[in-house]
Amino acid sequence: MRWYRMAAEAADASNDLDTLVWVHGRAAIALGHEGAVLPTADVFTGRAIAICDRPGGDRSDAWR
């Protein structure tokens, strides 16, 4: 989980919308698949969806 948070912080600092959505979405997927930290996966999911309102693969992946 620490790695995902570090990646999210770096993405946040980049101010690049595509990077932000991708990193948060991928963290949500990975943590969701691991199943151990679902509350944290929900946080990443919410962040990815809040960042970008346009439909797309990364946003859709985060939603799942």
Protein backbone atom coordinates (compact mmCIF):
# COMPACT_ATOMS: atom_id res chain seq x y z
CA MET A 1 0.00 0.00 0.00
CA ARG A 2 2.91 2.32 0.71
CA TRP A 3 4.05 2.14 -2.92
CA TYR A 4 0.61 3.08 -4.19
CA ARG A 5 0.46 6.10 -1.90
CA MET A 6 3.93 7.22 -2.98
CA ALA A 7 2.94 6.89 -6.65
CA ALA A 8 -0.25 8.85 -6.01
CA GLU A 9 1.68 11.63 -4.29
CA ALA A 10 4.11 11.83 -7.22
CA ALA A 11 1.20 11.88 -9.68
CA ASP A 12 -0.51 14.62 -7.68
CA ALA A 13 2.68 16.68 -7.81
CA SER A 14 2.88 16.27 -11.60
CA ASN A 15 -0.42 18.09 -12.17
CA ASP A 16 -0.84 15.95 -15.31
CA LEU A 17 -4.48 14.89 -15.59
CA ASP A 18 -3.85 11.66 -17.51
CA THR A 19 -1.13 10.61 -15.07
CA LEU A 20 -3.31 11.41 -12.07
CA VAL A 21 -6.24 9.37 -13.34
CA TRP A 22 -4.07 6.46 -14.45
CA VAL A 23 -2.10 6.17 -11.20
CA HIS A 24 -5.14 6.42 -8.95
CA GLY A 25 -7.14 4.07 -11.16
CA ARG A 26 -4.39 1.45 -11.31
CA ALA A 27 -3.87 1.64 -7.54
CA ALA A 28 -7.59 1.09 -7.01
CA ILE A 29 -7.57 -1.95 -9.29
CA ALA A 30 -4.46 -3.48 -7.73
CA LEU A 31 -5.63 -2.96 -4.17
CA GLY A 32 -9.08 -4.24 -5.05
CA HIS A 33 -7.63 -7.41 -6.52
CA GLU A 34 -5.51 -7.95 -3.44
CA GLY A 35 -8.71 -7.69 -1.40
CA ALA A 36 -6.94 -6.89 1.84
CA VAL A 37 -7.27 -3.12 1.77
CA LEU A 38 -10.63 -2.45 0.14
CA PRO A 39 -11.25 0.81 2.04
CA THR A 40 -8.03 2.23 0.61
CA ALA A 41 -8.97 0.97 -2.86
CA ASP A 42 -12.25 2.87 -2.48
CA VAL A 43 -10.32 6.06 -1.69
CA PHE A 44 -8.22 5.69 -4.84
CA THR A 45 -11.36 4.92 -6.86
CA GLY A 46 -13.12 8.02 -5.60
CA ARG A 47 -10.09 10.16 -6.33
CA ALA A 48 -9.71 8.84 -9.89
CA ILE A 49 -13.38 9.46 -10.62
CA ALA A 50 -13.34 12.91 -9.02
CA ILE A 51 -10.26 13.99 -10.98
CA CYS A 52 -11.75 13.42 -14.38
CA ASP A 53 -15.36 13.53 -15.49
CA ARG A 54 -14.70 12.35 -19.05
CA PRO A 55 -15.26 8.70 -19.82
CA GLY A 56 -12.20 6.67 -20.62
CA GLY A 57 -10.39 3.44 -19.95
CA ASP A 58 -8.58 4.48 -16.79
CA ARG A 59 -11.63 6.09 -15.24
CA SER A 60 -13.75 3.08 -16.16
CA ASP A 61 -11.17 0.71 -14.70
CA ALA A 62 -11.18 2.66 -11.44
CA TRP A 63 -14.95 2.48 -11.29
CA ARG A 64 -14.92 -1.33 -11.42
